[in-house]
Amino acid sequence: MLKLQRLSLAMALKPHRLHSSISLSLSLSLSLSPLYFYFRLSFLEFTLGVIGSLTVADTTSQSGPKKARTMTTETSSMKDAFSKYADYLNNLNDKRERVVKASRDITINSKKVIFQVHRISKHNKEEVLQKAEKDLVAVTDQYISRLVRELQGTDFWKLRRAYSPGVQEYVEAATFCKFCRTGTLLNLEEINATLLPLSDPSLEPLQINVLDYLLGLADLTGELMRLAIGRISDGELEFADKICKFVREIYRELTLVVPFMDESNDMKTKMDTMLQSVMKIENACFGVHVRGSEYMPLLGSDDPTSFLLAVPDVEI
C-alpha cells in the first residue's frame, strides 16, 4: 500500500513521466499474484483518468483567448469626478487671469484720473474737475463693466484678491473727485449705485464690499495730503485747512473700526501711513499760520492771509 501511495504521488507531481511509470509498474506486477495485479491495474486506470482530465482542463485554459481588463464602475466614476475637478480649476485659473488683467487696467486709468485732479487750482478748478469726471466715467463704462461681466454669476470672494487692488484705486479716484467738487465724502451706497446699470438684472450684481471701500478711503488721505501741500504753496490756506480737518476726521473714525478688523493686515498698515499723512498736513498748516504772522503782508493786498510766502495772483 505504501508503494502505491508513492507511485500515485510521483505521477501527480511529474505527469510527463506517466508512460514510463506505467510500463515499470506492469513489468513488476507480472511477478506478483493475480489479485494484487488487478488492484494495481484498477488504481492506475483511476489515476490516469484524473490526470488526463486535469491536463485537458489546463490546456483548454491556456489555449483560450485572454479576457481584456476592464475598469470597475467605482474606478471609472472616480476618474470622472477628478476630470470635472480639473476642468473647474482650469476654468477658475483662466478667469482669475482675466480678472487680474481687468483690475490692472482699472488701476492704471484710475491713477490718470487722480493725476488730473492734482492739476487743480483756483483758476482752473471747473475745467480740471470736468475733465477728471469725464475720465472717471470712461473708467466705469470700459473697465469696471468688463470686471463686472467677468465676475457675474460667480462667488466674488474667491477672486477678491485678484480684483481688489483695482477696486481700491477706483474708490480712491471717485472719492477724490467728489471731495474736490463738493468737499464731502462719497459713501459706499453711492458708488455701488453706479455699478448697478452695468450688471445683468437677472444675476447678482457686483457690489464693492466694505473692506475694499475702507482700503480705498485710507489711500485717499495720502492724495489729500499731497493736494494740501500743493494748495499751501499756492496760497490757498483755507482749502488746506479744510483738507486737514477732513483727513483728521477720517482718521479718527477709522481708529474706532480697525481694532475690530482682525483679519485685515493691510488696513492696519495703511492706518500707520494715514497717521503720517495727517501729521504732515497739520505741520504744514501749523507752520503757515504761526510763521505767517511774522511775514509782512504784500503791498496793495487787502487779504490778511496774503504773505510773502507764495501768492501767484500778485504780479511783482
Protein backbone atom coordinates (compact mmCIF):
# COMPACT_ATOMS: atom_id res chain seq x y z
CA MET A 1 0.00 0.00 0.00
CA LEU A 2 2.86 2.39 0.79
CA LYS A 3 4.33 1.73 -2.63
CA LEU A 4 1.00 2.56 -4.28
CA GLN A 5 0.85 5.91 -2.47
CA ARG A 6 4.38 6.79 -3.52
CA LEU A 7 3.63 5.88 -7.11
CA SER A 8 0.47 8.00 -7.22
CA LEU A 9 2.32 10.93 -5.68
CA ALA A 10 5.11 10.66 -8.22
CA MET A 11 2.64 10.59 -11.09
CA ALA A 12 0.78 13.60 -9.70
CA LEU A 13 3.95 15.65 -9.36
CA LYS A 14 5.53 14.54 -12.64
CA PRO A 15 2.83 13.86 -15.24
CA HIS A 16 5.38 13.84 -18.09
CA ARG A 17 6.82 10.57 -16.71
CA LEU A 18 3.46 8.87 -16.77
CA HIS A 19 4.15 6.33 -19.52
CA SER A 20 7.48 5.23 -18.08
CA SER A 21 5.90 4.73 -14.66
CA ILE A 22 3.10 2.59 -16.14
CA SER A 23 5.49 0.35 -18.02
CA LEU A 24 7.61 -0.10 -14.91
CA SER A 25 4.60 -0.97 -12.80
CA LEU A 26 3.37 -3.53 -15.36
CA SER A 27 6.75 -5.23 -15.52
CA LEU A 28 6.90 -5.50 -11.76
CA SER A 29 3.36 -6.73 -11.42
CA LEU A 30 3.91 -9.77 -13.67
CA SER A 31 5.84 -11.45 -10.93
CA LEU A 32 3.10 -10.86 -8.33
CA SER A 33 -0.21 -12.60 -7.64
CA PRO A 34 -3.24 -12.02 -9.96
CA LEU A 35 -5.30 -10.29 -7.21
CA TYR A 36 -2.56 -7.83 -6.46
CA PHE A 37 -2.15 -7.22 -10.17
CA TYR A 38 -5.90 -6.48 -10.51
CA PHE A 39 -5.95 -3.88 -7.72
CA ARG A 40 -2.81 -2.36 -9.03
CA LEU A 41 -4.21 -2.01 -12.55
CA SER A 42 -7.50 -0.51 -11.30
CA PHE A 43 -5.66 2.15 -9.32
CA LEU A 44 -3.53 3.06 -12.32
CA GLU A 45 -6.61 3.47 -14.53
CA PHE A 46 -8.21 5.79 -11.95
CA THR A 47 -5.03 7.86 -11.66
CA LEU A 48 -4.72 8.14 -15.44
CA GLY A 49 -8.30 9.42 -15.69
CA VAL A 50 -7.80 12.11 -13.07
CA ILE A 51 -4.51 13.31 -14.53
CA GLY A 52 -5.92 13.31 -18.05
CA SER A 53 -8.87 15.48 -17.06
CA LEU A 54 -6.55 17.94 -15.32
CA THR A 55 -4.26 18.12 -18.35
CA VAL A 56 -7.15 18.75 -20.75
CA ALA A 57 -8.56 21.47 -18.50
CA ASP A 58 -5.16 23.15 -18.21
CA THR A 59 -4.62 23.01 -21.98
CA THR A 60 -8.05 24.47 -22.61
CA SER A 61 -7.48 27.31 -20.17
CA GLN A 62 -4.10 28.16 -21.72
CA SER A 63 -5.22 27.98 -25.33
CA GLY A 64 -8.37 30.10 -24.83
CA PRO A 65 -8.45 33.86 -25.62
CA LYS A 66 -7.39 36.22 -22.83
CA LYS A 67 -10.05 38.44 -21.36
CA ALA A 68 -9.48 42.18 -21.69
CA ARG A 69 -9.02 44.10 -18.48
CA THR A 70 -11.91 46.40 -17.73
CA MET A 71 -12.14 49.18 -15.11
CA THR A 72 -14.67 48.74 -12.41
CA THR A 73 -17.57 51.11 -12.06
CA GLU A 74 -16.12 52.65 -8.91
CA THR A 75 -12.78 53.47 -10.58
CA SER A 76 -14.49 54.96 -13.62
CA SER A 77 -16.71 57.23 -11.52
CA MET A 78 -13.69 58.44 -9.54
CA LYS A 79 -11.86 59.28 -12.76
CA ASP A 80 -14.87 61.25 -14.00
CA ALA A 81 -15.00 63.18 -10.71
CA PHE A 82 -11.33 64.16 -10.94
CA SER A 83 -11.81 65.18 -14.57
CA LYS A 84 -14.60 67.53 -13.50
CA TYR A 85 -12.41 68.99 -10.75
CA ALA A 86 -9.58 69.54 -13.24
CA ASP A 87 -11.90 71.35 -15.66
CA TYR A 88 -13.26 73.51 -12.84
CA LEU A 89 -9.78 74.53 -11.66
CA ASN A 90 -8.60 75.28 -15.20
CA ASN A 91 -11.61 77.50 -15.84
CA LEU A 92 -11.15 79.24 -12.48
CA ASN A 93 -7.46 79.94 -13.18
CA ASP A 94 -8.29 81.31 -16.63
CA LYS A 95 -10.94 83.58 -15.15
CA ARG A 96 -8.52 84.75 -12.45
CA GLU A 97 -6.01 85.80 -15.11
CA ARG A 98 -8.67 87.79 -16.94
CA VAL A 99 -9.80 89.43 -13.68
CA VAL A 100 -6.21 90.39 -12.82
CA LYS A 101 -5.82 91.99 -16.25
CA ALA A 102 -9.07 93.94 -15.82
CA SER A 103 -8.01 95.07 -12.33
CA ARG A 104 -4.66 96.25 -13.67
CA ASP A 105 -6.37 98.34 -16.35
CA ILE A 106 -8.67 99.87 -13.72
CA THR A 107 -5.66 100.78 -11.57
CA ILE A 108 -3.78 102.45 -14.42
CA ASN A 109 -6.70 104.56 -15.64
CA SER A 110 -7.84 105.48 -12.11
CA LYS A 111 -4.36 106.84 -11.42
CA LYS A 112 -4.68 109.01 -14.52
CA VAL A 113 -7.86 110.49 -13.05
CA ILE A 114 -6.05 111.23 -9.77
CA PHE A 115 -3.16 112.91 -11.60
CA GLN A 116 -5.68 115.03 -13.49
CA VAL A 117 -7.28 116.23 -10.24
CA HIS A 118 -3.87 117.22 -8.85
CA ARG A 119 -3.65 119.87 -11.60
CA ILE A 120 -6.46 121.77 -9.92
CA SER A 121 -6.06 125.38 -8.82
CA LYS A 122 -8.43 128.20 -8.00
CA HIS A 123 -8.19 129.41 -11.60
CA ASN A 124 -8.98 126.16 -13.44
CA LYS A 125 -10.98 124.20 -10.89
CA GLU A 126 -14.08 123.69 -13.00
CA GLU A 127 -12.19 122.76 -16.14
CA VAL A 128 -9.94 120.24 -14.39
CA LEU A 129 -12.80 118.60 -12.50
CA GLN A 130 -14.92 118.23 -15.63
CA LYS A 131 -12.05 116.50 -17.41
CA ALA A 132 -11.41 114.24 -14.40
CA GLU A 133 -15.07 113.30 -14.02
CA LYS A 134 -15.30 112.51 -17.72
CA ASP A 135 -12.27 110.23 -17.46
CA LEU A 136 -13.79 108.56 -14.40
CA VAL A 137 -16.99 107.81 -16.32
CA ALA A 138 -14.86 106.25 -19.06
CA VAL A 139 -13.14 104.03 -16.48
CA THR A 140 -16.54 102.92 -15.20
CA ASP A 141 -18.01 102.20 -18.62
CA GLN A 142 -14.99 100.47 -20.16
CA TYR A 143 -13.02 98.76 -17.41
CA ILE A 144 -15.33 98.39 -14.43
CA SER A 145 -18.02 97.00 -16.73
CA ARG A 146 -15.56 94.39 -18.04
CA LEU A 147 -14.75 93.35 -14.49
CA VAL A 148 -18.46 93.11 -13.70
CA ARG A 149 -19.02 90.82 -16.68
CA GLU A 150 -16.16 88.54 -15.63
CA LEU A 151 -17.46 88.23 -12.07
CA GLN A 152 -21.12 87.98 -12.99
CA GLY A 153 -22.72 84.87 -11.51
CA THR A 154 -19.62 83.75 -9.58
CA ASP A 155 -18.52 83.82 -5.97
CA PHE A 156 -16.89 87.25 -5.65
CA TRP A 157 -14.89 86.31 -2.55
CA LYS A 158 -12.98 83.55 -4.35
CA LEU A 159 -11.44 86.13 -6.70
CA ARG A 160 -11.36 89.11 -4.35
CA ARG A 161 -7.56 89.15 -4.11
CA ALA A 162 -7.40 89.32 -7.90
CA TYR A 163 -9.58 92.42 -8.38
CA SER A 164 -9.25 94.19 -5.01
CA PRO A 165 -6.30 96.49 -5.97
CA GLY A 166 -8.19 97.88 -8.95
CA VAL A 167 -11.37 98.43 -6.95
CA GLN A 168 -9.44 100.25 -4.20
CA GLU A 169 -7.84 102.56 -6.76
CA TYR A 170 -11.24 103.23 -8.33
CA VAL A 171 -12.71 104.13 -4.92
CA GLU A 172 -9.77 106.45 -4.30
CA ALA A 173 -10.27 108.26 -7.62
CA ALA A 174 -14.06 108.56 -7.20
CA THR A 175 -13.87 109.90 -3.64
CA PHE A 176 -11.06 112.29 -4.62
CA CYS A 177 -13.17 113.84 -7.38
CA LYS A 178 -16.17 114.05 -5.08
CA PHE A 179 -14.26 115.87 -2.34
CA CYS A 180 -12.71 118.39 -4.72
CA ARG A 181 -16.14 119.07 -6.21
CA THR A 182 -18.31 119.32 -3.08
CA GLY A 183 -15.97 118.98 -0.09
CA THR A 184 -17.86 115.89 1.11
CA LEU A 185 -17.22 112.16 1.16
CA LEU A 186 -18.61 109.79 -1.46
CA ASN A 187 -20.18 106.94 0.52
CA LEU A 188 -20.33 103.25 -0.37
CA GLU A 189 -24.00 103.27 -1.37
CA GLU A 190 -23.41 105.97 -3.97
CA ILE A 191 -20.51 104.08 -5.53
CA ASN A 192 -22.44 100.82 -5.71
CA ALA A 193 -25.40 102.62 -7.26
CA THR A 194 -23.21 103.49 -10.25
CA LEU A 195 -22.39 99.79 -10.76
CA LEU A 196 -25.97 98.54 -10.89
CA PRO A 197 -26.64 99.57 -14.53
CA LEU A 198 -23.54 97.61 -15.59
CA SER A 199 -24.86 94.29 -14.27
CA ASP A 200 -27.33 91.84 -15.75
CA PRO A 201 -30.65 92.33 -13.89
CA SER A 202 -31.24 88.57 -13.88
CA LEU A 203 -27.99 87.87 -11.98
CA GLU A 204 -26.49 89.05 -8.72
CA PRO A 205 -24.78 92.42 -9.33
CA LEU A 206 -21.20 93.13 -8.37
CA GLN A 207 -21.06 95.35 -5.29
CA ILE A 208 -17.95 96.82 -3.71
CA ASN A 209 -17.56 95.39 -0.22
CA VAL A 210 -16.90 97.42 2.91
CA LEU A 211 -13.28 96.29 3.26
CA ASP A 212 -12.25 97.42 -0.23
CA TYR A 213 -14.07 100.72 0.31
CA LEU A 214 -12.21 101.39 3.57
CA LEU A 215 -8.88 100.45 2.00
CA GLY A 216 -9.52 102.87 -0.85
CA LEU A 217 -10.57 105.54 1.64
CA ALA A 218 -7.28 105.06 3.50
CA ASP A 219 -5.38 105.67 0.25
CA LEU A 220 -7.44 108.82 -0.31
CA THR A 221 -5.80 110.51 2.68
CA GLY A 222 -2.40 110.27 1.00
CA GLU A 223 -3.66 112.04 -2.11
CA LEU A 224 -5.35 114.70 0.02
CA MET A 225 -2.07 115.28 1.84
CA ARG A 226 -0.29 115.95 -1.48
CA LEU A 227 -3.13 118.22 -2.57
CA ALA A 228 -2.99 120.17 0.69
CA ILE A 229 0.76 120.75 0.42
CA GLY A 230 0.30 121.96 -3.14
CA ARG A 231 -2.53 124.32 -2.18
CA ILE A 232 -0.45 125.78 0.66
CA SER A 233 2.37 126.52 -1.76
CA ASP A 234 -0.16 128.37 -3.96
CA GLY A 235 -1.51 130.38 -1.04
CA GLU A 236 -4.88 128.59 -0.71
CA LEU A 237 -4.68 128.28 3.06
CA GLU A 238 -8.41 127.92 3.65
CA PHE A 239 -8.63 124.97 1.29
CA ALA A 240 -5.63 123.38 3.02
CA ASP A 241 -7.30 123.84 6.41
CA LYS A 242 -10.45 122.20 5.06
CA ILE A 243 -8.43 119.23 3.82
CA CYS A 244 -6.67 118.96 7.19
CA LYS A 245 -9.96 118.79 9.10
CA PHE A 246 -11.41 116.29 6.65
CA VAL A 247 -8.41 113.92 6.81
CA ARG A 248 -8.26 114.19 10.60
CA GLU A 249 -11.93 113.24 10.85
CA ILE A 250 -11.46 110.21 8.59
CA TYR A 251 -8.54 109.02 10.69
CA ARG A 252 -10.46 109.48 13.94
CA GLU A 253 -13.43 107.48 12.67
CA LEU A 254 -11.30 104.65 11.27
CA THR A 255 -9.41 104.24 14.54
CA LEU A 256 -12.72 103.10 16.05
CA VAL A 257 -13.23 100.44 13.37
CA VAL A 258 -9.78 98.99 12.66
CA PRO A 259 -9.31 97.24 16.06
CA PHE A 260 -12.26 95.01 15.18
CA MET A 261 -10.81 94.10 11.76
CA ASP A 262 -8.57 91.26 12.96
CA GLU A 263 -8.04 89.68 9.53
CA SER A 264 -7.14 92.90 7.69
CA ASN A 265 -3.41 93.40 7.99
CA ASP A 266 -3.50 95.76 5.01
CA MET A 267 -5.79 98.13 6.86
CA LYS A 268 -3.53 98.25 9.91
CA THR A 269 -0.54 99.07 7.71
CA LYS A 270 -2.45 101.83 5.93
CA MET A 271 -3.52 103.32 9.25
CA ASP A 272 0.14 103.99 10.07
CA THR A 273 0.58 105.68 6.70
CA MET A 274 -2.61 107.67 7.26
CA LEU A 275 -1.30 108.96 10.59
CA GLN A 276 1.84 110.19 8.87
CA SER A 277 -0.30 111.99 6.27
CA VAL A 278 -2.35 113.68 9.00
CA MET A 279 0.82 114.82 10.78
CA LYS A 280 2.30 116.23 7.55
CA ILE A 281 -0.83 118.26 6.80
CA GLU A 282 -1.08 119.52 10.38
CA ASN A 283 2.59 120.52 10.48
CA ALA A 284 2.28 122.34 7.15
CA CYS A 285 -0.85 124.23 8.22
CA PHE A 286 0.64 124.96 11.64
CA GLY A 287 3.83 126.33 10.11
CA VAL A 288 1.90 128.60 7.77
CA HIS A 289 -0.33 130.04 10.49
CA VAL A 290 2.42 130.51 13.07
CA ARG A 291 5.17 131.77 10.80
CA GLY A 292 2.75 133.72 8.64
CA SER A 293 2.21 136.19 11.46
CA GLU A 294 5.89 137.10 11.19
CA TYR A 295 5.73 137.92 7.47
CA MET A 296 4.97 141.35 6.10
CA PRO A 297 1.77 141.49 4.06
CA LEU A 298 2.19 142.27 0.40
CA LEU A 299 1.73 145.87 -0.56
CA GLY A 300 -1.64 146.62 -2.10
CA SER A 301 -3.27 143.40 -0.84
CA ASP A 302 -6.30 143.52 1.44
CA ASP A 303 -6.21 139.78 2.10
CA PRO A 304 -4.74 139.19 5.58
CA THR A 305 -3.59 135.72 4.53
CA SER A 306 -1.51 137.02 1.59
CA PHE A 307 2.06 136.93 2.82
CA LEU A 308 5.41 136.80 1.08
CA LEU A 309 5.08 133.01 1.11
CA ALA A 310 3.56 132.34 -2.29
CA VAL A 311 0.74 134.29 -3.87
CA PRO A 312 0.51 133.57 -7.62
CA ASP A 313 -2.20 136.15 -8.34
CA VAL A 314 0.03 139.12 -7.50
CA GLU A 315 2.47 140.31 -10.13
CA ILE A 316 5.72 141.58 -8.65
